[in-house]
């Protein structure tokens, strides 16, 4: 897999988190978990905290990330806890999914791609949500001033309305902008969208 500053940044961070046993869901993961059931994709799963929480609730989970440290940690923990959780190292800039999901989660990932790649990946994820299923997507947007984790060769700060606009035709269940302080007096501004795909749900009622 090509070298990438963002992957290296988070790989080191994930190694530290694994050593400390940090498994707490972040605010966006806490928001997402109640919407998940059935077959779930955690796309850019990081340490897998959300993936484990979903598996513990009875979901079958595929977790993908570019960080070898994170995926190794997830694989070992999933085997120990005997959970229905498969974890794979993947270059998510051009990863092709070959199945559909009841829930697709992509938290804090797409902004690490250049914008054309980010928009293409988002469309691919949307296409892999089953009718009646949910997509939960979270990105950094314009106004973010903390940029240390980005690779200079390409990243994408979405406009503040771009993410929701790309879910036109879906049922928007939740949308919000969130501003968090970051090192050096900088800030991170996130847009989050939770949306249900039109159509009859697969195999029963969708989560609420």
C-alpha atoms as a PDB file:
ATOM      1  CA  UNK A   1       0.000   0.000   0.000  1.00  0.00           C
ATOM      2  CA  UNK A   2       1.433   3.456  -0.880  1.00  0.00           C
ATOM      3  CA  UNK A   3       2.935   5.558   1.943  1.00  0.00           C
ATOM      4  CA  UNK A   4       0.553   8.162   3.237  1.00  0.00           C
ATOM      5  CA  UNK A   5       1.045  10.687   6.019  1.00  0.00           C
ATOM      6  CA  UNK A   6      -2.505  10.261   7.306  1.00  0.00           C
ATOM      7  CA  UNK A   7      -2.184   6.469   7.541  1.00  0.00           C
ATOM      8  CA  UNK A   8       1.139   6.795   9.355  1.00  0.00           C
ATOM      9  CA  UNK A   9      -0.338   9.422  11.722  1.00  0.00           C
ATOM     10  CA  UNK A  10      -3.236   7.200  12.752  1.00  0.00           C
ATOM     11  CA  UNK A  11      -1.256   3.955  12.770  1.00  0.00           C
ATOM     12  CA  UNK A  12       0.953   5.392  15.531  1.00  0.00           C
ATOM     13  CA  UNK A  13      -2.101   6.712  17.370  1.00  0.00           C
ATOM     14  CA  UNK A  14      -3.867   3.342  17.142  1.00  0.00           C
ATOM     15  CA  UNK A  15      -0.791   1.524  18.485  1.00  0.00           C
ATOM     16  CA  UNK A  16      -0.904   3.737  21.583  1.00  0.00           C
ATOM     17  CA  UNK A  17      -4.646   3.242  22.014  1.00  0.00           C
ATOM     18  CA  UNK A  18      -4.305  -0.537  21.731  1.00  0.00           C
ATOM     19  CA  UNK A  19      -1.592  -0.545  24.388  1.00  0.00           C
ATOM     20  CA  UNK A  20      -3.839   1.486  26.708  1.00  0.00           C
ATOM     21  CA  UNK A  21      -6.946  -0.618  25.992  1.00  0.00           C
ATOM     22  CA  UNK A  22      -9.058   2.398  24.999  1.00  0.00           C
ATOM     23  CA  UNK A  23     -12.454   1.094  23.838  1.00  0.00           C
ATOM     24  CA  UNK A  24     -14.789   4.017  24.551  1.00  0.00           C
ATOM     25  CA  UNK A  25     -17.118   5.079  21.737  1.00  0.00           C
ATOM     26  CA  UNK A  26     -16.615   8.651  20.558  1.00  0.00           C
ATOM     27  CA  UNK A  27     -19.674  10.946  20.354  1.00  0.00           C
ATOM     28  CA  UNK A  28     -20.306  10.122  16.676  1.00  0.00           C
ATOM     29  CA  UNK A  29     -20.086   6.373  17.312  1.00  0.00           C
ATOM     30  CA  UNK A  30     -22.472   6.726  20.241  1.00  0.00           C
ATOM     31  CA  UNK A  31     -24.881   8.501  17.912  1.00  0.00           C
ATOM     32  CA  UNK A  32     -24.564   5.773  15.271  1.00  0.00           C
ATOM     33  CA  UNK A  33     -24.895   2.580  17.282  1.00  0.00           C
ATOM     34  CA  UNK A  34     -28.666   2.717  17.826  1.00  0.00           C
ATOM     35  CA  UNK A  35     -29.316   2.741  14.070  1.00  0.00           C
ATOM     36  CA  UNK A  36     -27.441  -0.483  13.310  1.00  0.00           C
ATOM     37  CA  UNK A  37     -28.768  -4.004  12.816  1.00  0.00           C
ATOM     38  CA  UNK A  38     -28.230  -6.967  10.501  1.00  0.00           C
ATOM     39  CA  UNK A  39     -25.163  -6.857   8.244  1.00  0.00           C
ATOM     40  CA  UNK A  40     -22.988  -3.801   8.988  1.00  0.00           C
ATOM     41  CA  UNK A  41     -19.979  -2.234   7.276  1.00  0.00           C
ATOM     42  CA  UNK A  42     -17.596  -0.082   9.334  1.00  0.00           C
ATOM     43  CA  UNK A  43     -15.638   1.685   6.600  1.00  0.00           C
ATOM     44  CA  UNK A  44     -12.553   3.292   8.110  1.00  0.00           C
ATOM     45  CA  UNK A  45     -13.092   1.500  11.407  1.00  0.00           C
ATOM     46  CA  UNK A  46     -10.027   2.691  13.284  1.00  0.00           C
ATOM     47  CA  UNK A  47      -9.651   0.673  16.494  1.00  0.00           C
ATOM     48  CA  UNK A  48     -13.006  -0.977  15.853  1.00  0.00           C
ATOM     49  CA  UNK A  49     -14.829   0.332  18.907  1.00  0.00           C
ATOM     50  CA  UNK A  50     -18.050   0.825  16.969  1.00  0.00           C
ATOM     51  CA  UNK A  51     -17.603  -2.478  15.120  1.00  0.00           C
ATOM     52  CA  UNK A  52     -17.307  -4.329  18.423  1.00  0.00           C
ATOM     53  CA  UNK A  53     -20.299  -2.523  19.899  1.00  0.00           C
ATOM     54  CA  UNK A  54     -22.386  -3.487  16.852  1.00  0.00           C
ATOM     55  CA  UNK A  55     -21.210  -7.113  16.973  1.00  0.00           C
ATOM     56  CA  UNK A  56     -22.045  -7.295  20.674  1.00  0.00           C
ATOM     57  CA  UNK A  57     -25.593  -6.182  19.753  1.00  0.00           C
ATOM     58  CA  UNK A  58     -25.910  -9.136  17.366  1.00  0.00           C
ATOM     59  CA  UNK A  59     -24.804  -7.520  14.094  1.00  0.00           C
ATOM     60  CA  UNK A  60     -22.521  -9.273  11.618  1.00  0.00           C
ATOM     61  CA  UNK A  61     -19.765  -6.758  10.916  1.00  0.00           C
ATOM     62  CA  UNK A  62     -17.152  -6.186   8.232  1.00  0.00           C
ATOM     63  CA  UNK A  63     -14.541  -3.668   9.448  1.00  0.00           C
ATOM     64  CA  UNK A  64     -12.084  -2.090   6.997  1.00  0.00           C
ATOM     65  CA  UNK A  65      -9.167   0.254   7.627  1.00  0.00           C
ATOM     66  CA  UNK A  66      -5.801   1.159   6.123  1.00  0.00           C
ATOM     67  CA  UNK A  67      -4.017   0.903   9.488  1.00  0.00           C
ATOM     68  CA  UNK A  68      -2.293  -2.469  10.023  1.00  0.00           C
ATOM     69  CA  UNK A  69      -2.011  -1.731  13.757  1.00  0.00           C
ATOM     70  CA  UNK A  70      -5.752  -1.180  14.100  1.00  0.00           C
ATOM     71  CA  UNK A  71      -6.746  -4.238  12.055  1.00  0.00           C
ATOM     72  CA  UNK A  72      -4.318  -6.518  13.912  1.00  0.00           C
ATOM     73  CA  UNK A  73      -5.820  -5.356  17.211  1.00  0.00           C
ATOM     74  CA  UNK A  74      -9.378  -5.967  15.966  1.00  0.00           C
ATOM     75  CA  UNK A  75      -8.585  -9.423  14.601  1.00  0.00           C
ATOM     76  CA  UNK A  76      -7.014 -10.548  17.866  1.00  0.00           C
ATOM     77  CA  UNK A  77      -9.800  -9.139  20.015  1.00  0.00           C
ATOM     78  CA  UNK A  78     -12.575 -10.521  17.777  1.00  0.00           C
ATOM     79  CA  UNK A  79     -11.048 -13.995  17.964  1.00  0.00           C
ATOM     80  CA  UNK A  80     -10.734 -13.773  21.758  1.00  0.00           C
ATOM     81  CA  UNK A  81     -14.327 -12.604  22.181  1.00  0.00           C
ATOM     82  CA  UNK A  82     -15.733 -14.955  19.502  1.00  0.00           C
ATOM     83  CA  UNK A  83     -17.715 -12.204  17.775  1.00  0.00           C
ATOM     84  CA  UNK A  84     -19.125 -12.095  14.223  1.00  0.00           C
ATOM     85  CA  UNK A  85     -16.594  -9.481  13.154  1.00  0.00           C
ATOM     86  CA  UNK A  86     -14.249  -9.714  10.178  1.00  0.00           C
ATOM     87  CA  UNK A  87     -11.475  -7.106   9.900  1.00  0.00           C
ATOM     88  CA  UNK A  88      -9.314  -6.445   6.833  1.00  0.00           C
ATOM     89  CA  UNK A  89      -6.531  -4.025   5.914  1.00  0.00           C
ATOM     90  CA  UNK A  90      -7.689  -2.127   2.832  1.00  0.00           C
ATOM     91  CA  UNK A  91      -6.744   0.908   0.777  1.00  0.00           C
ATOM     92  CA  UNK A  92     -10.146   2.565   0.969  1.00  0.00           C
ATOM     93  CA  UNK A  93      -9.370   5.107  -1.727  1.00  0.00           C
ATOM     94  CA  UNK A  94     -10.245   2.512  -4.354  1.00  0.00           C
ATOM     95  CA  UNK A  95     -11.636  -0.471  -2.435  1.00  0.00           C
ATOM     96  CA  UNK A  96     -14.480  -2.242  -4.243  1.00  0.00           C
ATOM     97  CA  UNK A  97     -17.238  -3.753  -2.098  1.00  0.00           C
ATOM     98  CA  UNK A  98     -18.923  -6.897  -3.418  1.00  0.00           C
ATOM     99  CA  UNK A  99     -21.927  -7.142  -1.068  1.00  0.00           C
ATOM    100  CA  UNK A 100     -24.778  -5.023   0.290  1.00  0.00           C
ATOM    101  CA  UNK A 101     -25.330  -3.978   3.909  1.00  0.00           C
ATOM    102  CA  UNK A 102     -28.194  -3.063   6.228  1.00  0.00           C
ATOM    103  CA  UNK A 103     -25.991  -0.372   7.743  1.00  0.00           C
ATOM    104  CA  UNK A 104     -22.931   1.427   6.407  1.00  0.00           C
ATOM    105  CA  UNK A 105     -20.865   3.560   8.759  1.00  0.00           C
ATOM    106  CA  UNK A 106     -18.121   5.902   7.567  1.00  0.00           C
ATOM    107  CA  UNK A 107     -17.014   8.166  10.399  1.00  0.00           C
ATOM    108  CA  UNK A 108     -14.072  10.524  10.045  1.00  0.00           C
ATOM    109  CA  UNK A 109     -12.602   9.059   6.854  1.00  0.00           C
ATOM    110  CA  UNK A 110     -13.606  10.626   3.539  1.00  0.00           C
ATOM    111  CA  UNK A 111     -11.843  13.952   4.183  1.00  0.00           C
ATOM    112  CA  UNK A 112      -8.504  12.099   3.986  1.00  0.00           C
ATOM    113  CA  UNK A 113      -9.053  11.529   0.249  1.00  0.00           C
ATOM    114  CA  UNK A 114      -8.896  14.174  -2.454  1.00  0.00           C
ATOM    115  CA  UNK A 115     -12.391  15.448  -3.209  1.00  0.00           C
ATOM    116  CA  UNK A 116     -13.057  13.454  -6.421  1.00  0.00           C
ATOM    117  CA  UNK A 117     -11.995  10.269  -4.623  1.00  0.00           C
ATOM    118  CA  UNK A 118     -14.071  11.142  -1.547  1.00  0.00           C
ATOM    119  CA  UNK A 119     -17.206  11.762  -3.602  1.00  0.00           C
ATOM    120  CA  UNK A 120     -16.669   8.570  -5.614  1.00  0.00           C
ATOM    121  CA  UNK A 121     -16.191   6.512  -2.423  1.00  0.00           C
ATOM    122  CA  UNK A 122     -19.329   8.025  -0.896  1.00  0.00           C
ATOM    123  CA  UNK A 123     -21.382   7.120  -3.974  1.00  0.00           C
ATOM    124  CA  UNK A 124     -20.020   3.563  -3.850  1.00  0.00           C
ATOM    125  CA  UNK A 125     -20.979   3.249  -0.178  1.00  0.00           C
ATOM    126  CA  UNK A 126     -24.471   4.585  -0.874  1.00  0.00           C
ATOM    127  CA  UNK A 127     -24.916   2.042  -3.655  1.00  0.00           C
ATOM    128  CA  UNK A 128     -24.077  -0.773  -1.231  1.00  0.00           C
ATOM    129  CA  UNK A 129     -26.769   0.147   1.320  1.00  0.00           C
ATOM    130  CA  UNK A 130     -29.796  -2.123   0.990  1.00  0.00           C
ATOM    131  CA  UNK A 131     -33.222  -0.592   0.473  1.00  0.00           C
ATOM    132  CA  UNK A 132     -34.482   0.537   3.859  1.00  0.00           C
ATOM    133  CA  UNK A 133     -30.967   0.419   5.269  1.00  0.00           C
ATOM    134  CA  UNK A 134     -29.056   3.286   6.840  1.00  0.00           C
ATOM    135  CA  UNK A 135     -25.889   5.194   6.030  1.00  0.00           C
ATOM    136  CA  UNK A 136     -24.068   7.083   8.764  1.00  0.00           C
ATOM    137  CA  UNK A 137     -21.387   9.414   7.411  1.00  0.00           C
ATOM    138  CA  UNK A 138     -19.255  12.001   9.159  1.00  0.00           C
ATOM    139  CA  UNK A 139     -16.622  14.306   7.631  1.00  0.00           C
ATOM    140  CA  UNK A 140     -14.600  17.390   8.421  1.00  0.00           C
ATOM    141  CA  UNK A 141     -15.864  20.501   6.662  1.00  0.00           C
ATOM    142  CA  UNK A 142     -14.760  24.003   5.734  1.00  0.00           C
ATOM    143  CA  UNK A 143     -13.873  25.979   8.833  1.00  0.00           C
ATOM    144  CA  UNK A 144     -11.608  23.223  10.157  1.00  0.00           C
ATOM    145  CA  UNK A 145      -8.191  24.711  10.988  1.00  0.00           C
ATOM    146  CA  UNK A 146      -6.461  21.638  12.472  1.00  0.00           C
ATOM    147  CA  UNK A 147      -4.684  20.060   9.505  1.00  0.00           C
ATOM    148  CA  UNK A 148      -1.767  18.133  11.060  1.00  0.00           C
ATOM    149  CA  UNK A 149      -3.251  14.712  10.246  1.00  0.00           C
ATOM    150  CA  UNK A 150      -3.661  15.358   6.514  1.00  0.00           C
ATOM    151  CA  UNK A 151      -1.370  14.198   3.742  1.00  0.00           C
ATOM    152  CA  UNK A 152      -0.323  17.199   1.667  1.00  0.00           C
ATOM    153  CA  UNK A 153      -0.895  15.234  -1.552  1.00  0.00           C
ATOM    154  CA  UNK A 154      -4.634  15.288  -1.095  1.00  0.00           C
ATOM    155  CA  UNK A 155      -7.469  15.857   1.321  1.00  0.00           C
ATOM    156  CA  UNK A 156     -11.004  17.210   1.146  1.00  0.00           C
ATOM    157  CA  UNK A 157     -12.784  19.590   3.473  1.00  0.00           C
ATOM    158  CA  UNK A 158     -16.417  19.285   2.394  1.00  0.00           C
ATOM    159  CA  UNK A 159     -18.532  22.421   2.208  1.00  0.00           C
ATOM    160  CA  UNK A 160     -20.898  22.647   5.171  1.00  0.00           C
ATOM    161  CA  UNK A 161     -23.884  21.565   3.088  1.00  0.00           C
ATOM    162  CA  UNK A 162     -22.155  19.137   0.678  1.00  0.00           C
ATOM    163  CA  UNK A 163     -22.660  15.942   2.662  1.00  0.00           C
ATOM    164  CA  UNK A 164     -26.403  16.333   3.185  1.00  0.00           C
ATOM    165  CA  UNK A 165     -26.860  17.418  -0.438  1.00  0.00           C
ATOM    166  CA  UNK A 166     -25.326  14.137  -1.596  1.00  0.00           C
ATOM    167  CA  UNK A 167     -28.116  12.260   0.191  1.00  0.00           C
ATOM    168  CA  UNK A 168     -30.845  13.855  -1.896  1.00  0.00           C
ATOM    169  CA  UNK A 169     -33.765  11.448  -2.183  1.00  0.00           C
ATOM    170  CA  UNK A 170     -32.905   9.617   1.036  1.00  0.00           C
ATOM    171  CA  UNK A 171     -34.842  10.017   4.295  1.00  0.00           C
ATOM    172  CA  UNK A 172     -32.642  12.220   6.482  1.00  0.00           C
ATOM    173  CA  UNK A 173     -32.925  10.857  10.019  1.00  0.00           C
ATOM    174  CA  UNK A 174     -30.377  13.185  11.588  1.00  0.00           C
ATOM    175  CA  UNK A 175     -28.001  15.921  10.462  1.00  0.00           C
ATOM    176  CA  UNK A 176     -25.762  18.241  12.436  1.00  0.00           C
ATOM    177  CA  UNK A 177     -22.618  20.379  12.448  1.00  0.00           C
ATOM    178  CA  UNK A 178     -20.267  19.977  15.412  1.00  0.00           C
ATOM    179  CA  UNK A 179     -17.296  22.166  16.352  1.00  0.00           C
ATOM    180  CA  UNK A 180     -14.510  20.758  18.555  1.00  0.00           C
ATOM    181  CA  UNK A 181     -11.378  22.504  19.877  1.00  0.00           C
ATOM    182  CA  UNK A 182      -8.062  21.099  18.628  1.00  0.00           C
ATOM    183  CA  UNK A 183      -4.361  21.604  19.499  1.00  0.00           C
ATOM    184  CA  UNK A 184      -2.783  25.024  19.109  1.00  0.00           C
ATOM    185  CA  UNK A 185      -6.023  26.945  19.279  1.00  0.00           C
ATOM    186  CA  UNK A 186      -7.311  25.298  16.102  1.00  0.00           C
ATOM    187  CA  UNK A 187     -10.659  23.596  15.569  1.00  0.00           C
ATOM    188  CA  UNK A 188     -12.317  20.632  13.891  1.00  0.00           C
ATOM    189  CA  UNK A 189     -15.744  21.167  12.335  1.00  0.00           C
ATOM    190  CA  UNK A 190     -17.686  18.002  11.508  1.00  0.00           C
ATOM    191  CA  UNK A 191     -20.799  17.407   9.442  1.00  0.00           C
ATOM    192  CA  UNK A 192     -22.762  14.252  10.255  1.00  0.00           C
ATOM    193  CA  UNK A 193     -25.628  12.737   8.283  1.00  0.00           C
ATOM    194  CA  UNK A 194     -27.708   9.686   9.179  1.00  0.00           C
ATOM    195  CA  UNK A 195     -30.010   8.731   6.318  1.00  0.00           C
ATOM    196  CA  UNK A 196     -32.271   5.843   5.319  1.00  0.00           C
ATOM    197  CA  UNK A 197     -32.261   4.574   1.736  1.00  0.00           C
ATOM    198  CA  UNK A 198     -35.668   4.523   0.054  1.00  0.00           C
ATOM    199  CA  UNK A 199     -37.377   1.182  -0.536  1.00  0.00           C
ATOM    200  CA  UNK A 200     -38.682  -1.775   1.414  1.00  0.00           C
ATOM    201  CA  UNK A 201     -36.241  -2.892   4.123  1.00  0.00           C
ATOM    202  CA  UNK A 202     -34.347  -6.146   3.740  1.00  0.00           C
ATOM    203  CA  UNK A 203     -35.426  -8.946   6.066  1.00  0.00           C
ATOM    204  CA  UNK A 204     -37.640  -6.996   8.433  1.00  0.00           C
ATOM    205  CA  UNK A 205     -38.000  -3.590  10.012  1.00  0.00           C
ATOM    206  CA  UNK A 206     -35.064  -1.169   9.973  1.00  0.00           C
ATOM    207  CA  UNK A 207     -33.491   0.000  13.221  1.00  0.00           C
ATOM    208  CA  UNK A 208     -34.851   3.228  14.685  1.00  0.00           C
END
